[in-house]
Protein backbone atom coordinates (compact mmCIF):
# COMPACT_ATOMS: atom_id res chain seq x y z
CA MET A 1 -29.08 17.45 11.11
CA VAL A 2 -28.58 15.32 14.23
CA GLN A 3 -24.92 15.25 15.26
CA LEU A 4 -23.48 12.05 16.66
CA ALA A 5 -21.12 12.23 19.63
CA LEU A 6 -17.44 12.35 18.68
CA PRO A 7 -15.25 10.38 21.10
CA LYS A 8 -12.25 11.76 22.92
CA ILE A 9 -9.39 9.25 22.76
CA GLU A 10 -6.91 8.91 25.62
CA CYS A 11 -3.85 6.67 25.91
CA VAL A 12 -3.85 5.38 29.50
CA ASN A 13 -0.92 2.93 29.21
CA PHE A 14 1.93 3.08 26.74
CA SER A 15 5.21 1.39 25.84
CA GLN A 16 7.03 0.71 22.57
CA SER A 17 5.13 -2.55 22.14
CA TYR A 18 1.88 -2.08 24.12
CA GLY A 19 -0.82 0.55 24.33
CA ARG A 20 -4.16 0.78 26.09
CA PHE A 21 -6.58 3.39 24.76
CA VAL A 22 -9.97 4.61 25.98
CA ALA A 23 -12.42 6.33 23.62
CA GLU A 24 -15.61 7.96 24.94
CA PRO A 25 -18.37 8.98 24.65
CA ILE A 26 -19.42 6.80 21.71
CA GLU A 27 -22.95 6.48 20.40
CA LYS A 28 -24.59 3.19 21.37
CA GLY A 29 -23.66 0.48 18.85
CA PHE A 30 -20.67 2.33 17.47
CA GLY A 31 -18.24 0.82 19.96
CA VAL A 32 -18.23 -2.57 18.24
CA ILE A 33 -18.17 -0.92 14.79
CA LEU A 34 -15.07 1.10 15.60
CA GLY A 35 -13.38 -1.57 17.73
CA ASN A 36 -13.86 -4.45 15.31
CA SER A 37 -12.95 -2.38 12.22
CA LEU A 38 -9.73 -1.15 13.81
CA ARG A 39 -8.86 -4.60 15.13
CA ARG A 40 -9.20 -6.32 11.76
CA THR A 41 -7.32 -3.54 9.96
CA LEU A 42 -4.45 -3.50 12.48
CA LEU A 43 -4.01 -7.27 12.25
CA SER A 44 -4.17 -7.58 8.47
CA SER A 45 -3.40 -4.36 6.63
CA LEU A 46 -0.43 -2.55 8.19
CA PRO A 47 2.81 -2.82 6.19
CA GLY A 48 5.93 -4.33 7.71
CA ALA A 49 9.30 -5.85 6.80
CA ALA A 50 10.35 -9.48 7.20
CA VAL A 51 12.85 -12.03 5.91
CA ALA A 52 11.23 -13.73 2.89
CA SER A 53 14.06 -16.07 1.86
CA VAL A 54 17.59 -17.09 2.82
CA LEU A 55 20.62 -18.36 0.96
CA ILE A 56 22.83 -20.51 3.20
CA ASP A 57 26.24 -21.33 1.77
CA GLY A 58 26.41 -25.03 0.90
CA VAL A 59 22.74 -25.76 1.71
CA THR A 60 20.28 -26.82 -1.03
CA GLN A 61 17.18 -27.65 1.04
CA GLU A 62 15.59 -26.90 4.40
CA PHE A 63 15.90 -30.50 5.64
CA SER A 64 19.69 -30.41 5.68
CA SER A 65 22.19 -30.08 8.50
CA ILE A 66 25.03 -27.58 8.73
CA PRO A 67 28.47 -28.86 9.83
CA TYR A 68 29.38 -27.95 13.42
CA MET A 69 26.01 -26.22 14.08
CA LYS A 70 23.80 -27.61 16.87
CA GLU A 71 20.56 -26.67 15.12
CA ASP A 72 19.52 -28.19 11.81
CA VAL A 73 18.39 -25.94 8.95
CA THR A 74 14.68 -26.23 9.85
CA ASP A 75 15.26 -25.01 13.42
CA PHE A 76 17.52 -22.24 12.12
CA LEU A 77 14.81 -21.06 9.70
CA LEU A 78 12.20 -21.07 12.48
CA ASN A 79 14.44 -18.80 14.54
CA ILE A 80 15.02 -16.52 11.53
CA ARG A 81 11.26 -16.11 11.17
CA ASP A 82 11.21 -14.34 14.56
CA ILE A 83 13.63 -11.60 13.46
CA ARG A 84 11.72 -8.31 13.65
CA ILE A 85 12.79 -5.69 11.13
CA LYS A 86 11.86 -2.02 11.19
CA CYS A 87 11.42 -0.29 7.86
CA LEU A 88 13.10 3.12 8.09
CA SER A 89 12.31 4.27 4.55
CA GLY A 90 8.82 4.79 3.17
CA SER A 91 10.03 3.91 -0.33
CA ALA A 92 11.95 0.71 0.46
CA GLU A 93 10.37 -2.46 -0.94
CA SER A 94 13.19 -4.98 -0.47
CA GLY A 95 16.74 -5.29 0.79
CA LYS A 96 19.57 -7.63 1.75
CA MET A 97 21.22 -8.67 5.02
CA THR A 98 24.24 -10.92 5.55
CA LEU A 99 25.56 -13.14 8.32
CA ASN A 100 29.21 -14.24 8.21
CA VAL A 101 30.53 -15.96 11.35
CA SER A 102 33.14 -18.60 12.11
CA GLY A 103 34.50 -20.48 15.08
CA ARG A 104 32.84 -21.53 18.32
CA LYS A 105 30.05 -19.03 18.88
CA ASP A 106 26.43 -18.39 19.89
CA ILE A 107 24.77 -16.52 17.04
CA TYR A 108 22.22 -13.75 17.64
CA ALA A 109 20.23 -11.48 15.34
CA GLY A 110 22.61 -8.67 16.25
CA ASP A 111 25.37 -10.50 14.36
CA ILE A 112 23.50 -9.91 11.10
CA LYS A 113 24.68 -6.99 8.98
CA VAL A 114 22.05 -4.88 7.20
CA ILE A 115 23.37 -3.87 3.78
CA ASN A 116 21.45 -0.60 3.61
CA THR A 117 21.09 0.73 7.15
CA ALA A 118 19.04 3.68 5.88
CA ASP A 119 16.21 1.30 4.90
CA PHE A 120 16.05 -1.39 7.59
CA GLU A 121 16.96 -2.03 11.23
CA ILE A 122 16.75 -5.19 13.36
CA VAL A 123 14.89 -4.28 16.56
CA ASN A 124 15.49 -7.54 18.48
CA PRO A 125 19.27 -8.04 18.21
CA ASP A 126 19.25 -10.33 21.29
CA LEU A 127 17.19 -12.97 19.47
CA TYR A 128 19.03 -16.33 19.56
CA LEU A 129 19.51 -17.98 16.16
CA ALA A 130 22.01 -20.87 16.49
CA THR A 131 25.21 -22.18 18.07
CA LEU A 132 28.45 -23.14 16.33
CA ASP A 133 30.34 -25.68 18.48
CA SER A 134 33.70 -25.99 16.71
CA ASN A 135 36.59 -23.71 15.85
CA GLU A 136 36.33 -25.08 12.30
CA ALA A 137 32.71 -23.96 11.89
CA LYS A 138 31.72 -21.40 9.28
CA LEU A 139 28.31 -19.98 8.49
CA ASN A 140 27.59 -17.60 5.60
CA VAL A 141 23.97 -16.55 5.03
CA GLU A 142 22.31 -13.96 2.79
CA PHE A 143 18.82 -12.79 3.76
CA THR A 144 16.27 -11.25 1.39
CA VAL A 145 14.05 -8.75 3.17
CA LYS A 146 10.72 -7.67 1.70
CA VAL A 147 8.05 -5.15 2.69
CA ASP A 148 4.44 -6.33 2.53
CA LYS A 149 1.41 -6.86 4.75
CA GLY A 150 -0.13 -9.80 6.57
CA TYR A 151 1.43 -13.26 6.46
CA GLN A 152 3.12 -15.00 3.56
CA PRO A 153 3.71 -18.75 3.89
CA ALA A 154 6.91 -20.14 2.43
CA SER A 155 5.00 -22.37 0.01
CA SER A 156 3.62 -19.34 -1.87
CA VAL A 157 7.07 -18.07 -2.88
CA ASP A 158 9.07 -19.56 -5.74
CA ASN A 159 12.69 -20.40 -4.91
CA VAL A 160 15.20 -18.65 -7.12
CA GLY A 161 17.08 -21.85 -7.95
CA ILE A 162 20.50 -23.39 -7.64
CA ILE A 163 23.44 -21.03 -7.07
CA VAL A 164 27.03 -22.26 -7.37
CA THR A 165 29.76 -20.47 -5.39
CA ASP A 166 33.41 -21.12 -4.63
CA THR A 167 32.47 -22.90 -1.42
CA GLY A 168 29.76 -25.13 -2.85
CA THR A 169 26.22 -25.36 -4.19
CA SER A 170 23.39 -23.45 -2.51
CA LYS A 171 19.71 -22.83 -3.05
CA GLU A 172 17.60 -19.89 -1.91
CA ILE A 173 15.04 -21.18 0.59
CA SER A 174 11.70 -19.51 1.25
CA VAL A 175 10.77 -18.58 4.81
CA ASP A 176 7.37 -18.01 6.40
CA ALA A 177 7.24 -14.20 6.44
CA ILE A 178 5.27 -12.38 9.14
CA PHE A 179 4.99 -8.83 7.83
CA SER A 180 2.29 -7.55 10.18
CA PRO A 181 3.82 -5.42 12.97
CA VAL A 182 0.73 -5.97 15.15
CA PRO A 183 0.37 -9.55 16.44
CA ARG A 184 -2.53 -8.94 18.83
CA VAL A 185 -5.43 -6.51 19.35
CA ASN A 186 -8.21 -6.66 21.93
CA TYR A 187 -11.21 -4.39 22.51
CA MET A 188 -13.99 -4.12 25.10
CA ILE A 189 -17.22 -2.13 25.20
CA GLU A 190 -18.57 -0.61 28.45
CA SER A 191 -21.43 1.69 29.33
CA SER A 192 -20.29 5.29 29.64
CA GLY A 193 -21.48 7.89 32.12
CA PRO A 194 -23.16 7.54 35.53
CA GLY A 195 -25.84 4.88 35.80
CA GLN A 196 -27.33 2.77 33.03
CA GLY A 197 -29.33 3.70 29.96
CA THR A 198 -27.32 6.81 29.06
CA GLY A 199 -27.14 5.70 25.42
CA LYS A 200 -23.37 6.19 25.30
CA GLU A 201 -20.52 3.68 25.30
CA ARG A 202 -16.82 3.50 26.15
CA LEU A 203 -14.39 1.68 23.86
CA ILE A 204 -11.27 0.19 25.44
CA LEU A 205 -8.68 -0.84 22.88
CA GLU A 206 -5.47 -2.75 23.61
CA VAL A 207 -2.75 -3.02 20.96
CA TRP A 208 0.39 -5.17 21.08
CA THR A 209 3.14 -4.57 18.50
CA ASP A 210 6.41 -6.32 17.67
CA GLY A 211 8.49 -3.23 18.52
CA THR A 212 8.99 -2.10 14.91
CA ILE A 213 6.14 0.40 15.37
CA ASP A 214 4.60 1.90 18.50
CA PRO A 215 0.86 1.42 19.27
CA ILE A 216 -0.05 5.08 18.70
CA GLU A 217 1.48 5.04 15.22
CA ALA A 218 -0.20 1.69 14.52
CA ILE A 219 -3.66 3.02 15.38
CA GLY A 220 -3.02 6.13 13.30
CA GLN A 221 -2.10 4.03 10.26
CA GLY A 222 -5.09 1.75 10.78
CA ALA A 223 -7.52 4.67 11.03
CA LYS A 224 -6.01 6.25 7.91
CA ILE A 225 -6.54 3.02 5.96
CA LEU A 226 -10.19 2.88 7.04
CA ILE A 227 -10.77 6.52 6.10
CA GLU A 228 -9.31 5.90 2.63
CA GLN A 229 -11.59 2.88 2.19
CA PHE A 230 -14.69 4.83 3.26
CA ASN A 231 -13.90 7.84 1.07
CA GLY A 232 -15.38 6.10 -1.96
CA PHE A 233 -18.72 5.77 -0.17
CA THR A 234 -18.85 9.43 0.92
CA SER A 235 -18.62 10.59 -2.71
CA LEU A 236 -20.89 7.85 -4.10
CA ALA A 237 -23.87 10.15 -4.82
CA LYS A 238 -21.66 12.64 -6.66
CA THR A 239 -19.95 9.88 -8.64
CA MET A 240 -23.27 8.39 -9.72
CA ALA A 241 -24.60 11.83 -10.74
CA GLU A 242 -21.49 12.48 -12.84
CA LYS A 243 -21.85 9.06 -14.47
CA GLU A 244 -25.49 9.71 -15.34
CA GLU A 245 -24.62 13.15 -16.73
CA ALA A 246 -21.83 11.67 -18.85
CA GLU A 247 -24.14 8.93 -20.18
CA ALA A 248 -26.81 11.50 -21.03
CA TRP A 249 -24.21 13.60 -22.87
CA GLN A 250 -23.06 10.57 -24.85
CA LYS A 251 -26.65 9.61 -25.75
CA SER A 252 -27.26 13.13 -27.06
CA ILE A 253 -24.76 12.44 -29.84
CA PRO A 254 -25.95 10.10 -32.64
CA PRO A 255 -24.14 6.73 -32.39
CA GLU A 256 -23.03 6.88 -36.01
CA VAL A 257 -21.29 10.20 -35.25
CA TYR A 258 -19.87 9.12 -31.88
CA ASN A 259 -18.31 5.93 -33.29
CA MET A 260 -17.17 7.47 -36.58
CA PRO A 261 -13.46 6.86 -37.35
CA LEU A 262 -11.31 9.97 -37.46
CA GLU A 263 -10.56 9.35 -41.14
CA LYS A 264 -14.19 10.18 -42.06
CA LEU A 265 -13.72 13.83 -40.99
CA ASN A 266 -11.38 14.45 -43.95
CA LEU A 267 -8.90 16.42 -41.85
CA SER A 268 -5.52 17.63 -43.06
CA THR A 269 -2.55 15.34 -42.55
CA HIS A 270 -1.04 17.65 -39.90
CA THR A 271 -4.23 17.82 -37.83
CA TYR A 272 -4.94 14.11 -38.24
CA ASN A 273 -1.43 13.12 -37.07
CA SER A 274 -1.65 15.48 -34.09
CA LEU A 275 -4.90 13.84 -32.97
CA ARG A 276 -3.57 10.31 -33.49
CA ARG A 277 -0.47 11.09 -31.42
CA GLY A 278 -2.85 12.18 -28.66
CA GLY A 279 -4.54 8.76 -28.74
CA ILE A 280 -7.69 9.98 -30.52
CA THR A 281 -9.07 7.61 -33.18
CA THR A 282 -12.84 8.31 -33.20
CA THR A 283 -15.09 11.36 -33.30
CA GLY A 284 -16.44 10.41 -29.86
CA GLN A 285 -12.95 10.57 -28.32
CA LEU A 286 -12.39 13.92 -30.02
CA LEU A 287 -15.62 15.34 -28.59
CA GLU A 288 -14.82 13.99 -25.11
CA LYS A 289 -11.52 15.88 -25.15
CA GLY A 290 -13.23 19.19 -25.83
CA LEU A 291 -11.59 22.33 -27.14
CA GLU A 292 -9.32 22.88 -24.13
CA GLY A 293 -8.08 19.29 -24.18
CA LEU A 294 -7.36 19.39 -27.89
CA MET A 295 -5.42 22.67 -27.64
CA ALA A 296 -3.08 20.94 -25.14
CA LEU A 297 -2.03 18.36 -27.75
CA GLY A 298 1.36 18.77 -29.38
CA GLY A 299 1.12 20.35 -32.84
CA PHE A 300 -2.57 21.23 -32.42
CA GLY A 301 -2.90 24.99 -33.00
CA VAL A 302 -5.47 27.59 -34.05
CA LYS A 303 -5.72 26.34 -37.64
CA SER A 304 -6.27 22.77 -36.46
CA ARG A 305 -8.94 23.97 -34.03
CA GLU A 306 -10.83 25.82 -36.80
CA GLU A 307 -10.56 22.79 -39.06
CA VAL A 308 -11.92 20.39 -36.43
CA GLU A 309 -14.73 22.76 -35.39
CA ALA A 310 -15.88 23.02 -39.00
CA ALA A 311 -15.62 19.24 -39.48
CA VAL A 312 -17.82 18.32 -36.49
CA ALA A 313 -20.27 21.19 -37.04
CA GLN A 314 -21.54 19.52 -40.20
CA PHE A 315 -22.87 16.72 -37.98
CA GLY A 316 -24.64 19.14 -35.64
CA VAL A 317 -22.22 18.81 -32.67
CA SER A 318 -19.65 21.09 -31.07
CA LEU A 319 -16.40 20.74 -29.11
CA THR A 320 -18.05 20.96 -25.69
CA PRO A 321 -16.17 18.49 -23.45
CA ALA A 322 -17.89 15.57 -21.72
CA PRO A 323 -19.12 16.33 -18.14
CA VAL A 324 -16.40 14.13 -16.59
CA GLU A 325 -13.67 15.89 -18.58
CA LYS A 326 -15.01 19.30 -17.53
CA ASP A 327 -14.97 18.26 -13.88
CA LYS A 328 -11.35 17.00 -14.15
CA LYS A 329 -10.20 20.28 -15.70
CA LYS A 330 -12.04 22.33 -13.05
CA LYS A 331 -10.40 20.37 -10.21
CA GLY A 332 -6.96 20.78 -11.76
CA HIS A 333 -7.52 24.51 -12.30
CA ASP A 334 -8.67 25.04 -8.70
CA LYS A 335 -5.63 23.15 -7.40
CA GLU A 336 -3.22 25.27 -9.44
CA GLU A 337 -4.80 28.55 -8.29
CA SER A 338 -4.90 27.62 -4.60
CA PRO A 339 -2.11 29.62 -2.88
CA GLU A 340 0.01 27.78 -0.37
CA GLY A 341 -0.69 30.41 2.24
CA ASP A 342 -4.37 29.40 2.28
CA ILE A 343 -3.63 25.80 3.25
CA ALA A 344 -4.23 25.19 6.93
């Protein structure tokens, strides 16, 4: 089998928010395949955290003004959209942040308090949000943070509704949420090696991030997503063969037997109830389970096995599991027997 060249990837320029990578040698034509696939994945499919909605005390719509604040609500929301939030926990899906300030003051993202600091962190605390220009000014805001991917316009999110507090009536307002941690990706293809016509290429990839993730981690996540998407294609031939084998097995059983209700087997009440609790209602489902699958059901013992074997034998079939079921059991058995010491 002809082996394609595998590129060596080098990071030639790196910071928390920018990385320049060179991959070579690459087979001719593969530079654009790799570069474009990574670019589209990095821009659209990496998860990130962003403010999805805000609740401003005393404000019921985005076209309002806030007493003693220079910016109106619309400008304030536009500034909030630029807050970049790093997700510190792989399991976090949402969270809350609060802003409580009073008096004459310039407000920055660093003034916001994250409720659960183990889940989220604001990475641009110097971001300007608004200015309060009176000692009588007060601003109380609650932010809802969500984890997602891509871009979510405010119009696609339903507002929670009117909320009445001691200080007035408020309404949760949706915000344009930019979840993607990668705002820009660029790639270039060059000839690799001395002279022309070598048949090899060089891929130059530039990645800009918002600081919540570094470029090396971003590329790693993007490549992992692509590998997961391609995995289904690598096992396509095996999947189709298993499907054909399962269909052939099903066709080998007469339809009137395969679709026969469980009641027609005249089983004992104990055995019948055990099968029903296992979700089995037809002879076909019983045969698909096979002997090993049936023995794993609660209350299904040796006597039940003998009873079922005798019941299906009168129709000329046995408790041999369907090909797909056999393959599932084999994979599970191999996984259980694999010692940890053998894992590289």
